[in-house]
Amino acid sequence: MEPWLQGVIAVSVFLVLAMIAFIINKLWCQDEKDSEKKDKQVSFMSGNTNECIFSNGVEGRYSATAADFRCEEDPHVYENKVEFECDTMTGHHTENHINDGFQCDTMTECHTIPSQKEDLKCMLEWSEQYSYAFPRWFGIFFSSVVVSHPEYAKTLFARGDPKAEFIYATLIPWIGKGLITLDGTKWHQHRRLLTPAFHYNILKPYVAVIADTTKVMLDKWEKLIAKEPMKSLEMFDHISLMTLDSIMKCAFSHKSNCQTDRDLGYYVQAVSDLTLLSFRRITSTIFRSDFLYSYTPSGQRFKQACELAHRHTEKVIEERKKSLRNERELEKIQKKRHLDFLDILLCAKYEDGTGLSDEDLRAEVDTFMFAGHDTTASGLSWLLYIMAKHLEHQQKCREEVKEILGDREDIQWDDLGKMTYSTMCIKESLRIYSPVPRVSRKLSKPITFFDGCTLPEDIIVEVDIYSLHKNPSIWPEPFEYDPMRFSPENASKRHSHAFIPFAAGSRNCIGQQFAMNELKIALALILLRFKLIPDPEKTPIPIPQIILRSENGIHLILKKLN
């Protein structure tokens, strides 16, 4: 079949499915004028059953695939708002913990995100309305239960539930089956294998490497502002190249010059495209089909971006393999007490004596090349923006660094532990602008939360980290920037899962210490050289694209300090 004809067929199928989805959606969410306007309350029954009893005595069943309540007596009962009434362990009466959102006068009331721009706003509003959890719809066929309370998150993270395939499967063509997407025995094998790569003895020499890559970026900034002193610079692009430079030199023993000759600008752009396209696909009903998606313009763009990303990681792997064929280089790493990330992968052996397959190797390299630079770039970009907005905290951090370094120019490992105020500022920035807005799991068995609410197995549960970090019952005045929230005294009084920028439990971020070190080093060196001022004409607009980005970039005016 000719390619143009395949394209025509794919577009035709897409349009037909879109029309069907639109019609079904209208029928699904219309409010029946003659229906009774009674709110029905339901109590979850603990245990393995999916059955429940409405307060009017009508039996219902919780759908494990659609997160809705349907009554066998009245098939339209789910169109009314259903409020869960759960007894809490603390003895307090709670209600509205989870709401099925089926009073569907509008799509918003169905808990369907109308657009990517509205995503964070809608999730924040719903989490404020239902402070524990609520269902969310992806189109009309897929849904999840969104958790936005630390006690609910703690219960979920304490288990070993797998990642939600419905969400993470869209990433596999790009990052393969690595630590982010793996589950079960293989995930445990890879986690045990890679944990030594983030031992503090490995991280110590990285301080000098990260400092050097940061200084390269700062030298570039000096040249740019010398030409146009009042023109703002877009942070994310520069910082992405810096964090990519750092992760390649630290974890992959790759000597890159990506910041100066921009030989890897294509990779940074490919990652940006892939995160955007992956997020759009996750939230789309139509694009769930791999076949259909592959013929769309977005699918073609995704394929091209994957090829570019893989071209880079394959080059890094091949160059390191080649260097290890050199006996001197091989002898050098064999004498190391702790190997870096890529050398661990290349030298790793399973219990049966076999090494990682080429597929497994590339998956982990793709995973860490992305996660090791893009999430940190997000965290640092938003940190600099928030420092620019709050000059008093910016100055306090600057003074702290000056006091620690004294006459020295270079940052050392021991200095990082002394940056107490800067660390509080970093954590408060991560709270407000969480680099990874949410994570998800698929329940492998029923779950019962602290208040008695129960969900059956196979339900997708999302932990909305972005909203949890702004839960007003945990964080008073949640949108105010206050680093003192993270003073030892205040932090000790807070729930253990009130602050989870790196997730929690056994599947927390393996590289979180590396990321925190990089944020501290970069912040210190930047503040010693520049004063940060926000661009009043370009206020950033946060949007989720797997990681937290800004729709219009993060623009700051830099003033060189003497």
Protein backbone atom coordinates (compact mmCIF):
# COMPACT_ATOMS: atom_id res chain seq x y z
CA MET A 1 0.00 0.00 0.00
CA GLU A 2 1.30 3.44 -0.90
CA PRO A 3 2.43 5.60 2.07
CA TRP A 4 0.08 8.42 1.09
CA LEU A 5 -2.87 6.01 1.08
CA GLN A 6 -1.88 4.68 4.52
CA GLY A 7 -1.82 8.25 5.75
CA VAL A 8 -5.27 8.98 4.33
CA ILE A 9 -6.69 5.83 5.95
CA ALA A 10 -5.09 6.67 9.30
CA VAL A 11 -6.42 10.22 9.24
CA SER A 12 -9.89 8.96 8.28
CA VAL A 13 -9.90 6.44 11.14
CA PHE A 14 -8.70 9.15 13.49
CA LEU A 15 -11.51 11.52 12.48
CA VAL A 16 -14.15 8.79 12.83
CA LEU A 17 -12.89 7.79 16.28
CA ALA A 18 -12.69 11.42 17.33
CA MET A 19 -16.30 11.98 16.27
CA ILE A 20 -17.46 8.83 18.08
CA ALA A 21 -15.57 9.89 21.21
CA PHE A 22 -17.10 13.36 21.04
CA ILE A 23 -20.64 11.98 20.70
CA ILE A 24 -20.17 9.42 23.48
CA ASN A 25 -18.66 12.07 25.69
CA LYS A 26 -21.66 14.35 25.21
CA LEU A 27 -24.05 11.51 25.97
CA TRP A 28 -21.97 10.36 28.94
CA CYS A 29 -21.71 13.73 30.60
CA GLN A 30 -25.08 15.29 29.87
CA ASP A 31 -27.22 16.02 32.88
CA GLU A 32 -30.61 14.37 32.75
CA LYS A 33 -33.10 17.10 33.52
CA ASP A 34 -35.69 14.68 34.78
CA SER A 35 -33.30 12.67 36.97
CA GLU A 36 -33.40 12.97 40.73
CA LYS A 37 -30.92 15.51 42.11
CA LYS A 38 -29.94 13.51 45.15
CA ASP A 39 -26.42 13.06 46.36
CA LYS A 40 -25.76 9.46 47.21
CA GLN A 41 -23.23 8.45 49.80
CA VAL A 42 -21.33 5.23 49.81
CA SER A 43 -19.10 3.48 52.25
CA PHE A 44 -16.19 1.42 50.97
CA MET A 45 -16.21 -2.11 52.23
CA SER A 46 -12.81 -3.29 53.27
CA GLY A 47 -11.51 -6.58 51.95
CA ASN A 48 -11.29 -7.96 48.43
CA THR A 49 -14.84 -7.37 47.32
CA ASN A 50 -15.64 -4.74 44.72
CA GLU A 51 -19.23 -4.48 45.88
CA CYS A 52 -20.59 -1.53 47.83
CA ILE A 53 -23.89 -0.31 49.20
CA PHE A 54 -25.30 3.13 48.50
CA SER A 55 -27.00 4.93 51.38
CA ASN A 56 -30.37 4.34 49.72
CA GLY A 57 -29.77 0.58 49.83
CA VAL A 58 -29.09 0.14 46.10
CA GLU A 59 -26.25 -2.24 45.36
CA GLY A 60 -23.41 -0.97 43.24
CA ARG A 61 -20.08 -2.19 41.96
CA TYR A 62 -16.80 -0.36 41.68
CA SER A 63 -15.34 -0.68 38.20
CA ALA A 64 -11.67 -1.56 38.37
CA THR A 65 -11.11 -0.15 34.90
CA ALA A 66 -13.15 3.00 34.99
CA ALA A 67 -13.04 4.23 38.59
CA ASP A 68 -16.76 4.83 38.70
CA PHE A 69 -19.73 3.56 40.62
CA ARG A 70 -22.61 2.04 38.73
CA CYS A 71 -25.78 0.73 40.24
CA GLU A 72 -27.35 -2.39 38.85
CA GLU A 73 -30.82 -1.13 39.70
CA ASP A 74 -30.34 2.24 37.97
CA PRO A 75 -27.63 2.36 35.27
CA HIS A 76 -27.61 6.16 35.34
CA VAL A 77 -27.04 6.60 39.05
CA TYR A 78 -23.37 7.33 38.46
CA GLU A 79 -24.32 10.60 36.81
CA ASN A 80 -25.07 12.02 40.24
CA LYS A 81 -22.31 13.11 42.54
CA VAL A 82 -21.25 10.30 44.84
CA GLU A 83 -19.50 11.15 48.08
CA PHE A 84 -17.61 8.52 50.02
CA GLU A 85 -18.25 8.47 53.75
CA CYS A 86 -15.36 6.80 55.52
CA ASP A 87 -14.62 6.24 59.19
CA THR A 88 -11.15 7.45 60.05
CA MET A 89 -8.75 5.77 62.41
CA THR A 90 -8.43 9.05 64.29
CA GLY A 91 -12.11 9.02 65.17
CA HIS A 92 -12.92 12.11 63.14
CA HIS A 93 -15.74 12.03 60.64
CA THR A 94 -14.49 12.69 57.14
CA GLU A 95 -16.28 13.09 53.87
CA ASN A 96 -15.47 14.01 50.30
CA HIS A 97 -12.19 12.07 50.58
CA ILE A 98 -12.76 10.58 47.19
CA ASN A 99 -15.40 11.82 44.79
CA ASP A 100 -16.30 10.04 41.62
CA GLY A 101 -17.00 13.31 39.84
CA PHE A 102 -19.94 12.09 37.79
CA GLN A 103 -22.22 15.08 38.13
CA CYS A 104 -21.28 15.95 34.61
CA ASP A 105 -22.68 19.32 33.65
CA THR A 106 -19.27 20.10 32.14
CA MET A 107 -16.13 18.17 31.28
CA THR A 108 -14.41 19.74 34.28
CA GLU A 109 -17.01 18.22 36.58
CA CYS A 110 -16.15 14.85 35.03
CA HIS A 111 -12.58 15.47 36.23
CA THR A 112 -11.29 15.49 32.67
CA ILE A 113 -8.48 17.96 31.97
CA PRO A 114 -9.71 20.24 29.14
CA SER A 115 -6.18 21.12 27.95
CA GLN A 116 -2.53 20.83 28.91
CA LYS A 117 -2.50 24.48 29.98
CA GLU A 118 -5.31 23.77 32.46
CA ASP A 119 -3.75 20.61 33.89
CA LEU A 120 -2.03 21.96 37.01
CA LYS A 121 -4.82 24.45 37.70
CA CYS A 122 -7.53 21.77 37.53
CA MET A 123 -5.59 19.30 39.65
CA LEU A 124 -4.94 21.94 42.31
CA GLU A 125 -8.61 22.92 42.42
CA TRP A 126 -9.77 19.31 42.73
CA SER A 127 -7.18 18.46 45.36
CA GLU A 128 -8.32 21.48 47.39
CA GLN A 129 -11.96 20.43 47.01
CA TYR A 130 -11.23 16.78 47.83
CA SER A 131 -8.22 16.97 50.12
CA TYR A 132 -7.45 13.23 50.14
CA ALA A 133 -8.17 11.83 46.68
CA PHE A 134 -10.42 12.05 43.63
CA PRO A 135 -10.87 10.25 40.28
CA ARG A 136 -9.48 11.70 37.09
CA TRP A 137 -10.52 10.81 33.55
CA PHE A 138 -8.31 10.52 30.47
CA GLY A 139 -10.96 10.96 27.78
CA ILE A 140 -13.88 8.59 28.38
CA PHE A 141 -12.26 5.15 28.54
CA PHE A 142 -9.39 5.50 31.03
CA SER A 143 -9.20 6.87 34.52
CA SER A 144 -7.17 6.95 37.70
CA VAL A 145 -7.60 7.85 41.34
CA VAL A 146 -5.46 10.87 42.23
CA VAL A 147 -3.96 11.04 45.72
CA SER A 148 -3.01 14.43 47.15
CA HIS A 149 -2.61 13.75 50.88
CA PRO A 150 0.62 12.53 52.54
CA GLU A 151 -1.06 9.79 54.58
CA TYR A 152 -2.61 8.30 51.43
CA ALA A 153 0.74 8.62 49.63
CA LYS A 154 2.52 6.89 52.52
CA THR A 155 0.14 3.93 52.35
CA LEU A 156 0.68 3.58 48.60
CA PHE A 157 4.46 3.98 48.62
CA ALA A 158 4.83 1.45 51.45
CA ARG A 159 3.64 -1.25 49.05
CA GLY A 160 5.41 -2.75 46.07
CA ASP A 161 2.84 -2.02 43.38
CA PRO A 162 4.11 -1.88 39.79
CA LYS A 163 4.21 1.25 37.67
CA ALA A 164 0.99 2.00 35.80
CA GLU A 165 1.57 0.47 32.37
CA PHE A 166 -1.22 2.61 30.92
CA ILE A 167 0.92 5.68 31.64
CA TYR A 168 4.53 4.49 31.46
CA ALA A 169 4.13 2.35 28.32
CA THR A 170 4.28 5.50 26.20
CA LEU A 171 7.88 6.03 27.37
CA ILE A 172 9.19 2.57 26.45
CA PRO A 173 9.93 3.28 22.74
CA TRP A 174 12.17 6.08 24.01
CA ILE A 175 13.84 4.96 27.27
CA GLY A 176 13.19 1.24 26.97
CA LYS A 177 12.70 -0.98 30.01
CA GLY A 178 15.01 0.60 32.55
CA LEU A 179 14.59 1.52 36.21
CA ILE A 180 11.73 3.93 35.49
CA THR A 181 9.60 1.44 33.58
CA LEU A 182 10.71 -1.97 34.91
CA ASP A 183 8.82 -3.97 37.52
CA GLY A 184 9.24 -7.19 39.46
CA THR A 185 12.40 -9.28 39.72
CA LYS A 186 14.23 -7.54 36.91
CA TRP A 187 13.66 -4.13 38.50
CA HIS A 188 15.09 -5.44 41.81
CA GLN A 189 18.14 -6.80 39.96
CA HIS A 190 18.82 -3.51 38.21
CA ARG A 191 18.21 -1.43 41.35
CA ARG A 192 20.69 -3.52 43.38
CA LEU A 193 23.13 -3.36 40.51
CA LEU A 194 23.04 0.43 40.11
CA THR A 195 22.75 1.60 43.72
CA PRO A 196 26.58 1.51 44.23
CA ALA A 197 26.94 4.07 41.41
CA PHE A 198 25.50 6.67 43.81
CA HIS A 199 27.65 5.80 46.84
CA TYR A 200 29.03 8.93 48.49
CA ASN A 201 32.61 7.87 47.61
CA ILE A 202 31.56 7.99 43.96
CA LEU A 203 29.76 11.32 44.39
CA LYS A 204 32.70 13.10 46.08
CA PRO A 205 34.88 13.63 42.98
CA TYR A 206 31.80 14.71 41.02
CA VAL A 207 31.77 18.00 42.96
CA ALA A 208 34.73 19.33 40.98
CA VAL A 209 33.29 18.08 37.70
CA ILE A 210 29.90 19.73 38.28
CA ALA A 211 31.64 22.95 39.37
CA ASP A 212 33.65 23.00 36.14
CA THR A 213 30.61 22.45 33.92
CA THR A 214 28.74 25.16 35.83
CA LYS A 215 31.60 27.60 35.28
CA VAL A 216 31.49 26.93 31.54
CA MET A 217 27.84 28.00 31.57
CA LEU A 218 28.60 31.10 33.64
CA ASP A 219 31.37 32.14 31.24
CA LYS A 220 28.85 31.90 28.40
CA TRP A 221 26.40 34.05 30.35
CA GLU A 222 29.05 36.71 30.93
CA LYS A 223 29.71 37.00 27.21
CA LEU A 224 26.01 37.17 26.39
CA ILE A 225 25.13 39.90 28.89
CA ALA A 226 28.23 41.90 27.89
CA LYS A 227 26.63 42.35 24.47
CA GLU A 228 23.09 43.09 25.72
CA PRO A 229 23.14 43.87 29.46
CA MET A 230 19.39 44.51 29.80
CA LYS A 231 18.23 41.54 27.75
CA SER A 232 16.96 38.56 29.72
CA LEU A 233 18.31 35.07 29.12
CA GLU A 234 16.16 31.95 28.86
CA MET A 235 17.47 29.66 31.58
CA PHE A 236 16.16 26.21 30.69
CA ASP A 237 18.08 25.79 27.45
CA HIS A 238 21.43 26.79 28.98
CA ILE A 239 20.90 24.79 32.16
CA SER A 240 19.81 21.68 30.22
CA LEU A 241 23.12 21.70 28.35
CA MET A 242 25.02 22.19 31.62
CA THR A 243 23.26 19.32 33.42
CA LEU A 244 23.69 17.11 30.33
CA ASP A 245 27.39 17.98 30.30
CA SER A 246 27.62 17.06 33.99
CA ILE A 247 25.82 13.72 33.79
CA MET A 248 27.85 12.67 30.74
CA LYS A 249 31.16 13.42 32.43
CA CYS A 250 30.18 12.05 35.85
CA ALA A 251 28.13 8.96 35.06
CA PHE A 252 29.27 8.03 31.57
CA SER A 253 32.98 9.02 31.52
CA HIS A 254 32.25 10.93 28.31
CA LYS A 255 34.23 14.07 27.56
CA SER A 256 31.67 16.31 25.93
CA ASN A 257 31.88 19.91 24.81
CA CYS A 258 28.15 20.26 24.40
CA GLN A 259 27.96 23.68 26.07
CA THR A 260 30.51 25.39 23.84
CA ASP A 261 30.06 23.84 20.41
CA ARG A 262 26.44 22.72 20.99
CA ASP A 263 27.19 19.38 19.35
CA LEU A 264 24.43 17.89 21.49
CA GLY A 265 21.84 20.62 21.05
CA TYR A 266 19.89 18.14 18.95
CA TYR A 267 19.69 15.73 21.91
CA VAL A 268 18.37 18.37 24.30
CA GLN A 269 15.73 19.35 21.74
CA ALA A 270 14.84 15.69 21.16
CA VAL A 271 14.30 15.16 24.91
CA SER A 272 12.14 18.28 25.07
CA ASP A 273 10.04 16.98 22.17
CA LEU A 274 9.78 13.49 23.67
CA THR A 275 8.56 14.69 27.06
CA LEU A 276 5.97 16.92 25.42
CA LEU A 277 4.73 14.25 23.00
CA SER A 278 4.71 11.53 25.68
CA PHE A 279 2.62 13.66 28.03
CA ARG A 280 0.17 14.51 25.25
CA ARG A 281 -0.19 10.86 24.38
CA ILE A 282 -0.76 9.83 28.00
CA THR A 283 -3.66 12.27 28.25
CA SER A 284 -5.16 11.31 24.88
CA THR A 285 -7.75 8.59 24.30
CA ILE A 286 -7.34 8.47 20.53
CA PHE A 287 -3.56 8.04 20.55
CA ARG A 288 -3.58 4.92 22.76
CA SER A 289 -3.29 2.78 19.61
CA ASP A 290 0.36 2.35 18.59
CA PHE A 291 -0.66 1.69 14.99
CA LEU A 292 -2.84 4.75 14.70
CA TYR A 293 -0.37 6.98 16.52
CA SER A 294 2.49 5.94 14.25
CA TYR A 295 0.71 7.50 11.24
CA THR A 296 -0.08 10.83 12.86
CA PRO A 297 2.25 13.85 12.59
CA SER A 298 2.89 13.58 16.35
CA GLY A 299 3.74 9.89 15.99
CA GLN A 300 6.19 10.60 13.19
CA ARG A 301 7.78 13.39 15.22
CA PHE A 302 8.04 11.07 18.23
CA LYS A 303 9.77 8.41 16.13
CA GLN A 304 12.28 10.90 14.75
CA ALA A 305 13.03 12.27 18.22
CA CYS A 306 13.59 8.72 19.53
CA GLU A 307 16.05 8.05 16.73
CA LEU A 308 17.99 11.21 17.59
CA ALA A 309 18.06 10.36 21.30
CA HIS A 310 19.16 6.79 20.62
CA ARG A 311 21.86 7.96 18.22
CA HIS A 312 23.44 9.90 21.07
CA THR A 313 23.23 7.18 23.73
CA GLU A 314 24.50 4.49 21.36
CA LYS A 315 27.50 6.69 20.58
CA VAL A 316 28.26 7.12 24.29
CA ILE A 317 28.03 3.35 24.91
CA GLU A 318 30.18 2.45 21.92
CA GLU A 319 32.90 4.95 22.81
CA ARG A 320 33.13 3.63 26.36
CA LYS A 321 33.21 0.01 25.15
CA LYS A 322 36.02 0.96 22.80
CA SER A 323 38.03 2.61 25.58
CA LEU A 324 37.62 -0.47 27.79
CA ARG A 325 39.26 -2.59 25.10
CA ASN A 326 42.41 -0.69 25.98
CA GLU A 327 44.22 -2.79 28.58
CA ARG A 328 45.42 0.24 30.55
CA GLU A 329 41.92 1.68 30.82
CA LEU A 330 40.48 -1.70 31.78
CA GLU A 331 43.19 -2.18 34.41
CA LYS A 332 42.47 1.30 35.79
CA ILE A 333 38.76 0.67 36.36
CA GLN A 334 39.45 -2.79 37.79
CA LYS A 335 41.50 -1.12 40.53
CA LYS A 336 38.66 1.24 41.42
CA ARG A 337 36.83 0.46 44.62
CA HIS A 338 33.67 2.06 43.21
CA LEU A 339 32.79 2.15 39.51
CA ASP A 340 30.78 4.89 37.86
CA PHE A 341 27.36 4.28 36.36
CA LEU A 342 28.25 3.15 32.83
CA ASP A 343 31.19 1.01 33.91
CA ILE A 344 28.91 -0.81 36.35
CA LEU A 345 26.54 -1.56 33.49
CA LEU A 346 29.31 -2.74 31.17
CA CYS A 347 31.00 -4.91 33.81
CA ALA A 348 27.84 -6.21 35.47
CA LYS A 349 27.14 -9.92 35.74
CA TYR A 350 23.92 -11.63 36.76
CA GLU A 351 23.99 -14.64 39.10
CA ASP A 352 24.22 -16.98 36.10
CA GLY A 353 27.35 -15.18 34.90
CA THR A 354 25.75 -13.40 31.95
CA GLY A 355 26.03 -9.66 31.46
CA LEU A 356 23.36 -7.16 30.53
CA SER A 357 21.95 -7.51 27.05
CA ASP A 358 22.50 -4.64 24.62
CA GLU A 359 18.81 -3.82 24.97
CA ASP A 360 18.99 -3.62 28.78
CA LEU A 361 22.20 -1.61 28.61
CA ARG A 362 20.78 1.00 26.26
CA ALA A 363 17.54 1.20 28.24
CA GLU A 364 19.40 2.15 31.42
CA VAL A 365 21.64 4.61 29.59
CA ASP A 366 18.61 6.22 27.90
CA THR A 367 16.82 6.34 31.26
CA PHE A 368 19.66 7.98 33.18
CA MET A 369 20.71 10.27 30.35
CA PHE A 370 17.18 11.69 30.43
CA ALA A 371 16.43 11.56 34.16
CA GLY A 372 19.94 12.62 35.14
CA HIS A 373 19.83 15.90 33.28
CA ASP A 374 16.26 16.96 32.48
CA THR A 375 14.75 16.73 35.96
CA THR A 376 17.73 18.55 37.49
CA ALA A 377 17.50 21.21 34.78
CA SER A 378 13.87 21.73 35.74
CA GLY A 379 14.69 21.98 39.44
CA LEU A 380 17.57 24.43 38.92
CA SER A 381 15.70 26.64 36.43
CA TRP A 382 12.74 27.10 38.77
CA LEU A 383 15.11 27.59 41.72
CA LEU A 384 16.84 30.49 39.96
CA TYR A 385 13.48 32.01 39.09
CA ILE A 386 12.33 31.86 42.68
CA MET A 387 15.65 33.32 43.86
CA ALA A 388 15.17 36.19 41.41
CA LYS A 389 11.69 36.85 42.81
CA HIS A 390 12.91 36.87 46.41
CA LEU A 391 16.04 38.99 46.57
CA GLU A 392 16.28 38.79 50.36
CA HIS A 393 16.65 34.99 50.23
CA GLN A 394 18.99 35.27 47.26
CA GLN A 395 21.26 37.56 49.27
CA LYS A 396 21.18 35.32 52.36
CA CYS A 397 22.25 32.33 50.25
CA ARG A 398 25.03 34.40 48.68
CA GLU A 399 26.32 35.49 52.08
CA GLU A 400 26.21 31.92 53.36
CA VAL A 401 28.33 30.68 50.45
CA LYS A 402 30.84 33.51 50.89
CA GLU A 403 31.19 32.71 54.57
CA ILE A 404 31.73 29.00 53.86
CA LEU A 405 34.29 29.48 51.08
CA GLY A 406 36.19 32.41 52.55
CA ASP A 407 39.06 33.18 50.17
CA ARG A 408 38.61 29.93 48.23
CA GLU A 409 37.07 29.84 44.76
CA ASP A 410 36.49 26.10 44.52
CA ILE A 411 33.66 24.26 46.24
CA GLN A 412 34.57 21.07 48.08
CA TRP A 413 32.54 18.09 49.24
CA ASP A 414 32.48 19.17 52.88
CA ASP A 415 31.12 22.60 51.92
CA LEU A 416 27.83 21.12 50.72
CA GLY A 417 26.82 19.97 54.19
CA LYS A 418 27.37 23.47 55.56
CA MET A 419 24.95 25.13 53.11
CA THR A 420 22.04 24.88 55.53
CA TYR A 421 20.10 27.99 54.50
CA SER A 422 20.68 27.35 50.79
CA THR A 423 19.41 23.79 51.29
CA MET A 424 16.22 25.10 52.90
CA CYS A 425 15.74 27.46 49.93
CA ILE A 426 16.29 24.60 47.49
CA LYS A 427 13.77 22.37 49.25
CA GLU A 428 11.14 25.12 49.37
CA SER A 429 11.64 25.66 45.63
CA LEU A 430 11.23 21.91 45.02
CA ARG A 431 8.02 22.03 47.05
CA ILE A 432 6.46 24.83 44.99
CA TYR A 433 7.87 23.74 41.63
CA SER A 434 8.14 19.95 41.88
CA PRO A 435 10.28 18.78 38.91
CA VAL A 436 8.24 15.56 38.58
CA PRO A 437 4.62 16.65 39.14
CA ARG A 438 3.17 13.17 39.63
CA VAL A 439 3.92 9.45 39.65
CA SER A 440 1.54 6.51 39.34
CA ARG A 441 1.11 2.88 40.35
CA LYS A 442 -1.26 0.08 39.37
CA LEU A 443 -2.66 -1.69 42.41
CA SER A 444 -1.58 -5.34 42.51
CA LYS A 445 -4.05 -6.03 45.33
CA PRO A 446 -6.75 -4.08 47.20
CA ILE A 447 -5.58 -1.17 49.31
CA THR A 448 -7.12 0.26 52.48
CA PHE A 449 -6.17 3.77 53.54
CA PHE A 450 -5.90 5.08 57.10
CA ASP A 451 -9.52 6.30 57.14
CA GLY A 452 -10.99 2.97 56.00
CA CYS A 453 -11.42 3.85 52.32
CA THR A 454 -10.58 0.92 50.07
CA LEU A 455 -9.73 0.56 46.40
CA PRO A 456 -9.75 -2.78 44.54
CA GLU A 457 -6.82 -4.19 42.60
CA ASP A 458 -5.99 -3.05 39.05
CA ILE A 459 -6.90 0.57 39.81
CA ILE A 460 -4.37 3.16 38.67
CA VAL A 461 -3.45 5.49 41.53
CA GLU A 462 -1.55 8.70 40.86
CA VAL A 463 0.31 10.58 43.57
CA ASP A 464 -0.04 14.21 42.58
CA ILE A 465 3.19 15.50 44.11
CA TYR A 466 2.62 19.02 42.77
CA SER A 467 -0.74 19.32 44.56
CA LEU A 468 0.31 17.36 47.65
CA HIS A 469 3.08 19.92 48.18
CA LYS A 470 0.40 22.61 48.26
CA ASN A 471 -2.18 20.84 50.41
CA PRO A 472 -3.34 23.66 52.73
CA SER A 473 -4.04 21.24 55.58
CA ILE A 474 -0.32 20.39 55.60
CA TRP A 475 1.24 23.58 54.26
CA PRO A 476 -0.31 26.84 55.57
CA GLU A 477 -0.30 29.54 52.88
CA PRO A 478 1.04 26.97 50.41
CA PHE A 479 1.84 29.40 47.59
CA GLU A 480 4.05 31.60 49.78
CA TYR A 481 7.80 31.02 49.48
CA ASP A 482 9.09 30.40 53.00
CA PRO A 483 12.38 28.48 53.35
CA MET A 484 11.92 28.35 57.13
CA ARG A 485 9.37 25.59 56.58
CA PHE A 486 12.45 23.36 56.25
CA SER A 487 14.22 24.44 59.41
CA PRO A 488 15.03 21.36 61.53
CA GLU A 489 12.41 22.37 64.09
CA ASN A 490 9.59 22.80 61.56
CA ALA A 491 10.56 19.80 59.43
CA SER A 492 10.52 17.48 62.45
CA LYS A 493 6.85 18.31 63.13
CA ARG A 494 5.69 17.53 59.61
CA HIS A 495 4.34 14.31 58.12
CA SER A 496 7.07 12.05 56.72
CA HIS A 497 5.44 12.14 53.27
CA ALA A 498 4.49 15.83 53.18
CA PHE A 499 7.59 16.57 51.07
CA ILE A 500 8.38 13.98 48.40
CA PRO A 501 10.03 15.66 45.36
CA PHE A 502 11.94 12.42 44.69
CA ALA A 503 8.92 10.17 45.42
CA ALA A 504 9.24 7.73 48.33
CA GLY A 505 9.45 4.07 49.23
CA SER A 506 11.53 1.44 47.49
CA ARG A 507 11.05 3.12 44.11
CA ASN A 508 12.23 6.56 45.11
CA CYS A 509 14.72 8.41 42.91
CA ILE A 510 18.03 6.57 42.98
CA GLY A 511 19.94 9.72 41.99
CA GLN A 512 18.41 12.18 44.46
CA GLN A 513 21.68 12.84 46.32
CA PHE A 514 23.47 13.53 43.03
CA ALA A 515 20.68 15.95 42.07
CA MET A 516 20.75 17.80 45.41
CA ASN A 517 24.53 18.15 45.21
CA GLU A 518 24.29 19.55 41.70
CA LEU A 519 21.63 22.07 42.76
CA LYS A 520 23.79 23.26 45.68
CA ILE A 521 26.97 23.58 43.61
CA ALA A 522 25.28 25.38 40.73
CA LEU A 523 23.34 27.74 43.00
CA ALA A 524 26.45 28.69 44.96
CA LEU A 525 28.57 29.46 41.90
CA ILE A 526 25.78 31.34 40.12
CA LEU A 527 25.05 33.58 43.12
CA LEU A 528 28.73 34.38 43.59
CA ARG A 529 28.93 35.75 40.06
CA PHE A 530 25.47 37.15 39.25
CA LYS A 531 22.51 38.93 40.75
CA LEU A 532 19.28 37.38 39.43
CA ILE A 533 16.34 39.59 38.45
CA PRO A 534 13.03 38.35 36.96
CA ASP A 535 11.94 39.61 33.55
CA PRO A 536 8.68 41.46 34.31
CA GLU A 537 7.43 40.94 30.76
CA LYS A 538 7.94 37.17 30.70
CA THR A 539 6.45 35.52 33.78
CA PRO A 540 6.89 31.74 33.41
CA ILE A 541 3.80 29.55 33.06
CA PRO A 542 4.30 26.08 34.62
CA ILE A 543 3.11 23.14 32.53
CA PRO A 544 3.61 19.39 33.09
CA GLN A 545 5.43 17.48 30.34
CA ILE A 546 6.54 14.42 32.31
CA ILE A 547 8.74 16.97 34.09
CA LEU A 548 7.72 20.52 35.04
CA ARG A 549 8.56 23.02 32.32
CA SER A 550 7.46 26.55 31.49
CA GLU A 551 5.25 27.15 28.50
CA ASN A 552 7.08 30.38 27.67
CA GLY A 553 10.51 29.62 29.11
CA ILE A 554 12.15 30.95 32.26
CA HIS A 555 13.66 34.35 31.52
CA LEU A 556 15.96 36.16 33.95
CA ILE A 557 18.04 39.34 33.79
CA LEU A 558 21.59 38.77 35.04
CA LYS A 559 23.71 41.46 36.66
CA LYS A 560 27.44 40.74 36.93
CA LEU A 561 28.76 41.12 40.47
CA ASN A 562 32.18 42.59 41.20
